[in-house]
Amino acid sequence: MNDTFASLLEGCRPLFPASLVDAAGWEQLMEPARALPRSVIDGQFGFEFHLVQPGAAADLCVVALPGSDLSRHYIRVGAAAEPGSAAAELAAALLEQTRNPASYLAHSVAGVVLEYDLVGLPPGGRLHPPGIFFAPQEYSPGARDGFFEHRDPSALLAALAAAAGWSGGHREVLPAVERVITAVPDPGFLFQAGALPARSPKVFRLVIAGVPKAEVPALLERLQWPGPTAAAADVIAAMDDLLAYVLVSLDVTARGPGARLGLELFGYTNWRTSHRTAWHPFIDRIEDRGWCLPAKAEGLRNWPRSERLLGDQIFLVRQGINHVKVVIERGAPTLAKAYAAMAVRPYRNSTQP
């Protein structure tokens, strides 16, 4: 137990406001944490707080870097899993990334982001396979074609489908994804993409960056998004003075963009270096708009912090808010999530040798 992620996360329990994660939500969070190695903290990890739903629970996000102990963990788990299962296919993709320099994952993916949907999971319920997202390698700023995702959607979808265990499942969706990419005007580009194995039908999630925030509604029209473009424009207008930029998140099937739209709203802050109150105006605004319950808004205000954690050694824990996603779907209430980051590193006093 001491070498699991859960053993370290337990020490962080007092840092989670009860309005964001209550006792039941904490037990949900512990389900994947008990199965993950402590080396989760070697990379980035974070939580998705659902801001409108009354339950206090969070989803978990971890990042498997190439050749890391966490990547090796998933490879070991997959080796013992049933052939063809989601765990086995993810392991095969990570192994390919490590062993084959010519593979798509090796030359274009900086890390594999795994998102565990935990909110709504019944006690003792079976975990769904995590969503799989490819974090891109570095690129030249301003170079629209600098991302492999934008340049080579066929290779991107093939690699995602293989990691998700969708044998050949990308071919039927590829034409729709290519239409989306073609419709994105310069300087916009396809920044990130993911596969959601637990969803049916097969869904690829595309994240578009580089589009000026004022031009996002026009982009949605070009993409023929089947949702209320005016509602998206209202979200951006309501947050405009606090917004640095917006990412557009679309679920794409063979039929094209789905009804669900995610607007990922980034403020003028860096979660690692900003003062803990830097997000307060943003939180106040989403609370006023009804996208965040008052108790959860208060929890978010108390989230950013730096603390020392005493366990088998001393750790420095830094917490911050990365961004807020507002989700719009025709005929459904507007939802919001806060993407909160946590970094845990061994503490080294400057006076120590």
Protein backbone atom coordinates (compact mmCIF):
# COMPACT_ATOMS: atom_id res chain seq x y z
CA MET A 1 0.00 0.00 0.00
CA ASN A 2 2.86 2.41 0.79
CA ASP A 3 4.09 2.35 -2.79
CA THR A 4 0.72 3.31 -4.29
CA PHE A 5 -0.51 6.71 -5.35
CA ALA A 6 -3.30 6.33 -2.78
CA SER A 7 -0.81 6.16 0.08
CA LEU A 8 0.54 9.59 -0.81
CA LEU A 9 -2.82 11.10 -1.77
CA GLU A 10 -4.24 10.15 1.64
CA GLY A 11 -1.81 12.60 3.21
CA CYS A 12 -3.25 15.33 0.97
CA ARG A 13 -6.83 14.69 2.10
CA PRO A 14 -7.01 17.83 4.31
CA LEU A 15 -6.13 19.96 1.27
CA PHE A 16 -9.37 19.04 -0.55
CA PRO A 17 -12.30 21.33 0.39
CA ALA A 18 -15.29 19.22 1.43
CA SER A 19 -17.53 21.12 -1.00
CA LEU A 20 -15.39 19.77 -3.86
CA VAL A 21 -14.72 16.23 -2.61
CA ASP A 22 -16.79 14.76 0.24
CA ALA A 23 -16.36 11.36 1.91
CA ALA A 24 -18.15 9.46 -0.86
CA GLY A 25 -16.27 11.37 -3.54
CA TRP A 26 -13.00 10.61 -1.80
CA GLU A 27 -13.71 6.89 -1.84
CA GLN A 28 -14.39 7.13 -5.59
CA LEU A 29 -11.06 8.88 -6.05
CA MET A 30 -9.26 6.19 -4.09
CA GLU A 31 -10.48 3.42 -6.43
CA PRO A 32 -8.00 4.15 -9.25
CA ALA A 33 -5.44 5.66 -6.85
CA ARG A 34 -5.03 2.33 -5.04
CA ALA A 35 -4.19 0.63 -8.33
CA LEU A 36 -1.73 3.29 -9.51
CA PRO A 37 1.93 3.52 -8.47
CA ARG A 38 3.25 6.32 -6.32
CA SER A 39 5.29 7.49 -9.32
CA VAL A 40 2.17 9.28 -10.60
CA ILE A 41 3.70 12.30 -8.86
CA ASP A 42 6.76 12.19 -11.13
CA GLY A 43 4.64 13.78 -13.87
CA GLN A 44 1.59 16.00 -13.85
CA PHE A 45 -1.76 14.99 -12.41
CA GLY A 46 -4.96 16.77 -11.60
CA PHE A 47 -8.67 16.67 -10.94
CA GLU A 48 -11.88 17.71 -12.67
CA PHE A 49 -14.34 19.29 -10.26
CA HIS A 50 -17.95 19.30 -11.49
CA LEU A 51 -19.29 22.71 -10.50
CA VAL A 52 -23.05 22.56 -11.07
CA GLN A 53 -23.96 19.05 -9.91
CA PRO A 54 -24.72 18.90 -6.18
CA GLY A 55 -22.51 15.87 -5.42
CA ALA A 56 -18.96 16.61 -4.26
CA ALA A 57 -16.73 14.34 -6.35
CA ALA A 58 -13.90 14.63 -8.84
CA ASP A 59 -12.50 12.86 -11.87
CA LEU A 60 -8.80 12.00 -11.96
CA CYS A 61 -6.25 12.78 -14.67
CA VAL A 62 -2.68 11.37 -14.84
CA VAL A 63 0.06 11.65 -17.47
CA ALA A 64 2.17 8.70 -18.61
CA LEU A 65 5.44 10.07 -19.98
CA PRO A 66 7.43 7.93 -22.44
CA GLY A 67 9.60 5.41 -20.62
CA SER A 68 8.38 6.54 -17.19
CA ASP A 69 7.57 4.28 -14.28
CA LEU A 70 3.88 5.09 -14.75
CA SER A 71 4.08 4.06 -18.40
CA ARG A 72 5.79 0.81 -17.36
CA HIS A 73 3.00 0.24 -14.82
CA TYR A 74 0.34 0.35 -17.54
CA ILE A 75 2.46 -1.96 -19.69
CA ARG A 76 2.71 -4.49 -16.82
CA VAL A 77 -1.02 -4.30 -16.15
CA GLY A 78 -1.78 -4.78 -19.82
CA ALA A 79 0.52 -7.80 -20.06
CA ALA A 80 -1.60 -9.53 -17.40
CA ALA A 81 -4.93 -8.41 -18.87
CA GLU A 82 -7.19 -10.29 -21.22
CA PRO A 83 -5.91 -10.04 -24.81
CA GLY A 84 -7.86 -7.44 -26.74
CA SER A 85 -9.07 -5.66 -23.60
CA ALA A 86 -8.73 -1.90 -23.18
CA ALA A 87 -5.85 -2.40 -20.72
CA ALA A 88 -4.00 -4.71 -23.11
CA GLU A 89 -4.38 -2.35 -26.07
CA LEU A 90 -3.23 0.69 -24.08
CA ALA A 91 -0.18 -1.30 -22.94
CA ALA A 92 0.62 -2.27 -26.52
CA ALA A 93 0.51 1.39 -27.59
CA LEU A 94 2.80 2.50 -24.75
CA LEU A 95 5.20 -0.33 -25.51
CA GLU A 96 5.25 0.70 -29.17
CA GLN A 97 6.00 4.27 -28.13
CA THR A 98 9.02 3.09 -26.15
CA ARG A 99 10.43 0.52 -28.57
CA ASN A 100 9.67 1.89 -32.04
CA PRO A 101 11.19 5.33 -32.76
CA ALA A 102 9.25 5.45 -36.04
CA SER A 103 5.85 5.04 -34.34
CA TYR A 104 3.42 7.94 -34.21
CA LEU A 105 3.52 8.06 -30.42
CA ALA A 106 7.32 8.09 -30.34
CA HIS A 107 7.83 11.01 -32.72
CA SER A 108 4.81 13.20 -31.97
CA VAL A 109 3.41 12.54 -28.49
CA ALA A 110 5.03 14.04 -25.40
CA GLY A 111 2.78 12.18 -22.98
CA VAL A 112 -0.36 10.07 -22.88
CA VAL A 113 -3.00 11.73 -20.71
CA LEU A 114 -5.42 9.30 -19.05
CA GLU A 115 -8.71 10.63 -17.66
CA TYR A 116 -10.72 8.50 -15.24
CA ASP A 117 -14.44 9.34 -15.15
CA LEU A 118 -15.35 8.79 -11.49
CA VAL A 119 -18.26 11.15 -10.84
CA GLY A 120 -21.42 9.06 -10.57
CA LEU A 121 -19.51 5.80 -10.06
CA PRO A 122 -21.47 3.69 -7.52
CA PRO A 123 -19.59 2.45 -4.41
CA GLY A 124 -17.51 -0.54 -5.43
CA GLY A 125 -18.51 0.02 -9.06
CA ARG A 126 -16.27 -1.21 -11.84
CA LEU A 127 -14.00 1.49 -13.24
CA HIS A 128 -14.49 2.42 -16.87
CA PRO A 129 -11.41 2.41 -19.13
CA PRO A 130 -9.86 5.89 -18.99
CA GLY A 131 -10.15 8.41 -21.78
CA ILE A 132 -6.91 8.59 -23.76
CA PHE A 133 -5.49 11.92 -24.93
CA PHE A 134 -2.23 12.64 -26.71
CA ALA A 135 -0.27 15.62 -25.40
CA PRO A 136 1.70 17.04 -28.36
CA GLN A 137 5.44 17.51 -28.64
CA GLU A 138 6.90 21.00 -28.71
CA TYR A 139 6.24 23.07 -31.82
CA SER A 140 7.30 26.36 -33.33
CA PRO A 141 4.96 29.12 -32.07
CA GLY A 142 2.95 30.57 -34.91
CA ALA A 143 3.51 27.57 -37.16
CA ARG A 144 0.00 26.31 -37.85
CA ASP A 145 1.29 23.01 -39.23
CA GLY A 146 3.73 22.53 -36.36
CA PHE A 147 1.44 19.99 -34.71
CA PHE A 148 1.42 16.44 -36.00
CA GLU A 149 -2.25 16.31 -35.02
CA HIS A 150 -3.04 19.00 -37.56
CA ARG A 151 -0.73 17.71 -40.28
CA ASP A 152 -1.53 14.01 -40.18
CA PRO A 153 -5.04 13.25 -38.88
CA SER A 154 -4.99 9.74 -40.35
CA ALA A 155 -1.93 8.71 -38.33
CA LEU A 156 -3.34 10.48 -35.28
CA LEU A 157 -6.67 8.62 -35.38
CA ALA A 158 -5.00 5.30 -36.16
CA ALA A 159 -2.75 5.65 -33.10
CA LEU A 160 -5.65 6.72 -30.87
CA ALA A 161 -7.86 3.89 -32.12
CA ALA A 162 -5.10 1.36 -31.46
CA ALA A 163 -4.55 2.67 -27.92
CA ALA A 164 -8.30 2.51 -27.25
CA GLY A 165 -8.65 -1.00 -28.69
CA TRP A 166 -10.78 0.10 -31.65
CA SER A 167 -9.37 -2.09 -34.38
CA GLY A 168 -9.83 -0.15 -37.62
CA GLY A 169 -12.32 2.06 -35.81
CA HIS A 170 -10.78 5.27 -37.03
CA ARG A 171 -11.42 4.84 -40.75
CA GLU A 172 -15.13 5.60 -40.63
CA VAL A 173 -14.53 8.77 -38.59
CA LEU A 174 -11.51 10.05 -40.56
CA PRO A 175 -13.52 11.89 -43.28
CA ALA A 176 -15.48 13.82 -40.64
CA VAL A 177 -12.29 14.72 -38.76
CA GLU A 178 -10.64 15.88 -41.99
CA ARG A 179 -13.66 18.10 -42.71
CA VAL A 180 -13.34 19.66 -39.26
CA ILE A 181 -9.63 20.36 -39.76
CA THR A 182 -10.26 21.85 -43.20
CA ALA A 183 -12.90 24.18 -41.75
CA VAL A 184 -10.55 25.60 -39.10
CA PRO A 185 -9.24 28.92 -40.44
CA ASP A 186 -5.68 30.11 -39.97
CA PRO A 187 -4.26 30.66 -37.35
CA GLY A 188 -6.35 27.94 -35.70
CA PHE A 189 -5.12 24.37 -35.53
CA LEU A 190 -5.93 20.97 -34.08
CA PHE A 191 -4.00 21.05 -30.82
CA GLN A 192 -4.94 17.82 -29.09
CA ALA A 193 -7.14 14.78 -29.63
CA GLY A 194 -8.43 11.91 -27.57
CA ALA A 195 -10.42 8.70 -27.68
CA LEU A 196 -13.13 7.84 -25.17
CA PRO A 197 -13.30 4.02 -24.93
CA ALA A 198 -16.15 4.06 -22.43
CA ARG A 199 -18.45 6.01 -24.77
CA SER A 200 -20.75 4.54 -27.39
CA PRO A 201 -20.76 5.18 -30.31
CA LYS A 202 -17.02 5.62 -30.82
CA VAL A 203 -16.09 9.21 -30.13
CA PHE A 204 -12.91 11.10 -30.90
CA ARG A 205 -12.54 14.38 -29.05
CA LEU A 206 -10.80 17.18 -30.94
CA VAL A 207 -9.41 20.26 -29.20
CA ILE A 208 -8.90 23.29 -31.45
CA ALA A 209 -6.57 26.11 -30.44
CA GLY A 210 -5.29 29.34 -31.92
CA VAL A 211 -8.68 30.81 -32.87
CA PRO A 212 -9.18 34.36 -31.50
CA LYS A 213 -11.93 34.24 -28.89
CA ALA A 214 -14.14 36.70 -30.76
CA GLU A 215 -14.05 34.40 -33.81
CA VAL A 216 -15.12 31.21 -32.04
CA PRO A 217 -18.85 31.59 -32.91
CA ALA A 218 -17.97 31.97 -36.61
CA LEU A 219 -15.78 28.87 -36.33
CA LEU A 220 -18.72 26.90 -34.93
CA GLU A 221 -20.82 27.99 -37.90
CA ARG A 222 -18.09 26.85 -40.30
CA LEU A 223 -17.86 23.51 -38.49
CA GLN A 224 -21.64 23.12 -38.76
CA TRP A 225 -21.85 22.41 -35.06
CA PRO A 226 -25.49 21.36 -34.40
CA GLY A 227 -25.82 23.35 -31.20
CA PRO A 228 -26.84 26.87 -30.16
CA THR A 229 -24.04 29.09 -31.45
CA ALA A 230 -25.63 32.07 -29.71
CA ALA A 231 -25.21 30.34 -26.34
CA ALA A 232 -21.51 29.85 -27.03
CA ALA A 233 -21.17 33.50 -27.99
CA ASP A 234 -22.91 34.50 -24.75
CA VAL A 235 -20.43 32.45 -22.67
CA ILE A 236 -17.45 34.12 -24.31
CA ALA A 237 -18.99 37.59 -24.06
CA ALA A 238 -19.77 37.07 -20.36
CA MET A 239 -16.13 36.16 -19.58
CA ASP A 240 -14.38 38.25 -22.22
CA ASP A 241 -12.46 40.68 -19.99
CA LEU A 242 -11.10 37.78 -17.91
CA LEU A 243 -10.25 35.50 -20.84
CA ALA A 244 -6.77 35.11 -22.30
CA TYR A 245 -7.89 32.53 -24.86
CA VAL A 246 -10.42 29.79 -25.56
CA LEU A 247 -9.96 26.19 -26.74
CA VAL A 248 -12.84 24.54 -28.56
CA SER A 249 -13.55 20.91 -27.67
CA LEU A 250 -15.73 18.83 -30.01
CA ASP A 251 -16.79 15.19 -30.00
CA VAL A 252 -16.65 13.87 -33.55
CA THR A 253 -18.23 10.68 -34.89
CA ALA A 254 -18.61 9.45 -38.47
CA ARG A 255 -21.60 11.80 -38.81
CA GLY A 256 -19.56 14.87 -37.86
CA PRO A 257 -19.39 17.12 -34.78
CA GLY A 258 -21.72 16.01 -32.00
CA ALA A 259 -24.14 18.16 -30.05
CA ARG A 260 -21.84 18.55 -27.07
CA LEU A 261 -19.46 21.54 -27.08
CA GLY A 262 -16.77 22.31 -24.55
CA LEU A 263 -15.40 25.85 -24.29
CA GLU A 264 -12.13 25.66 -22.35
CA LEU A 265 -11.66 29.07 -20.78
CA PHE A 266 -8.15 30.16 -19.79
CA GLY A 267 -7.51 33.22 -17.67
CA TYR A 268 -4.45 35.45 -17.50
CA THR A 269 -2.80 33.22 -14.91
CA ASN A 270 -0.22 30.48 -14.53
CA TRP A 271 -1.29 27.95 -11.93
CA ARG A 272 2.28 27.31 -10.77
CA THR A 273 3.25 30.93 -10.17
CA SER A 274 0.08 32.99 -9.73
CA HIS A 275 -1.01 34.31 -6.34
CA ARG A 276 -3.68 32.12 -4.77
CA THR A 277 -6.32 34.83 -5.21
CA ALA A 278 -5.63 35.33 -8.93
CA TRP A 279 -8.62 33.18 -9.93
CA HIS A 280 -11.10 34.85 -7.57
CA PRO A 281 -12.60 37.27 -10.16
CA PHE A 282 -13.04 34.38 -12.59
CA ILE A 283 -14.70 32.21 -9.93
CA ASP A 284 -16.94 35.11 -8.87
CA ARG A 285 -18.07 35.52 -12.48
CA ILE A 286 -18.95 31.86 -13.13
CA GLU A 287 -20.81 31.79 -9.81
CA ASP A 288 -22.79 34.88 -10.79
CA ARG A 289 -23.64 33.26 -14.12
CA GLY A 290 -24.99 30.15 -12.39
CA TRP A 291 -22.27 27.86 -13.75
CA CYS A 292 -20.91 27.10 -10.29
CA LEU A 293 -22.76 26.40 -7.05
CA PRO A 294 -21.86 28.87 -4.26
CA ALA A 295 -20.37 26.16 -2.01
CA LYS A 296 -18.20 24.89 -4.85
CA ALA A 297 -17.12 28.44 -5.71
CA GLU A 298 -15.90 28.81 -2.14
CA GLY A 299 -14.08 25.50 -2.42
CA LEU A 300 -12.35 26.68 -5.60
CA ARG A 301 -11.24 29.89 -3.90
CA ASN A 302 -9.59 27.76 -1.21
CA TRP A 303 -7.94 25.32 -3.62
CA PRO A 304 -4.82 27.23 -4.80
CA ARG A 305 -2.10 26.91 -2.17
CA SER A 306 1.39 25.66 -1.37
CA GLU A 307 1.84 23.37 1.62
CA ARG A 308 4.47 21.10 3.10
CA LEU A 309 3.34 17.52 3.57
CA LEU A 310 5.05 15.26 6.11
CA GLY A 311 5.02 11.56 5.23
CA ASP A 312 7.94 9.16 4.95
CA GLN A 313 9.70 12.31 3.74
CA ILE A 314 8.79 15.98 3.42
CA PHE A 315 6.98 17.02 0.23
CA LEU A 316 6.05 20.40 -1.18
CA VAL A 317 2.48 20.35 -2.50
CA ARG A 318 1.43 23.06 -4.94
CA GLN A 319 -2.19 23.37 -6.07
CA GLY A 320 -3.71 25.61 -8.71
CA ILE A 321 -6.48 26.01 -11.26
CA ASN A 322 -5.52 25.45 -14.88
CA HIS A 323 -8.78 26.37 -16.61
CA VAL A 324 -12.56 26.11 -16.53
CA LYS A 325 -14.58 24.29 -19.16
CA VAL A 326 -18.16 25.34 -19.91
CA VAL A 327 -20.19 22.61 -21.63
CA ILE A 328 -23.09 23.54 -23.90
CA GLU A 329 -25.61 21.18 -25.45
CA ARG A 330 -28.96 22.03 -26.98
CA GLY A 331 -31.83 21.22 -24.62
CA ALA A 332 -29.52 20.61 -21.65
CA PRO A 333 -28.46 22.91 -18.81
CA THR A 334 -25.10 24.61 -19.15
CA LEU A 335 -22.48 22.74 -17.13
CA ALA A 336 -19.01 23.69 -15.97
CA LYS A 337 -15.91 21.92 -14.71
CA ALA A 338 -12.76 23.27 -13.11
CA TYR A 339 -9.52 21.58 -14.10
CA ALA A 340 -7.36 21.72 -11.01
CA ALA A 341 -3.69 20.77 -10.91
CA MET A 342 -1.55 19.39 -8.10
CA ALA A 343 2.22 18.98 -8.03
CA VAL A 344 3.92 16.96 -5.27
CA ARG A 345 7.69 17.13 -5.11
CA PRO A 346 10.27 16.22 -2.44
CA TYR A 347 10.95 19.32 -0.35
CA ARG A 348 14.50 20.60 -0.35
CA ASN A 349 15.27 23.45 2.00
CA SER A 350 17.60 26.02 0.46
CA THR A 351 19.86 25.67 3.50
CA GLN A 352 20.36 21.97 2.90
CA PRO A 353 23.46 20.86 0.98
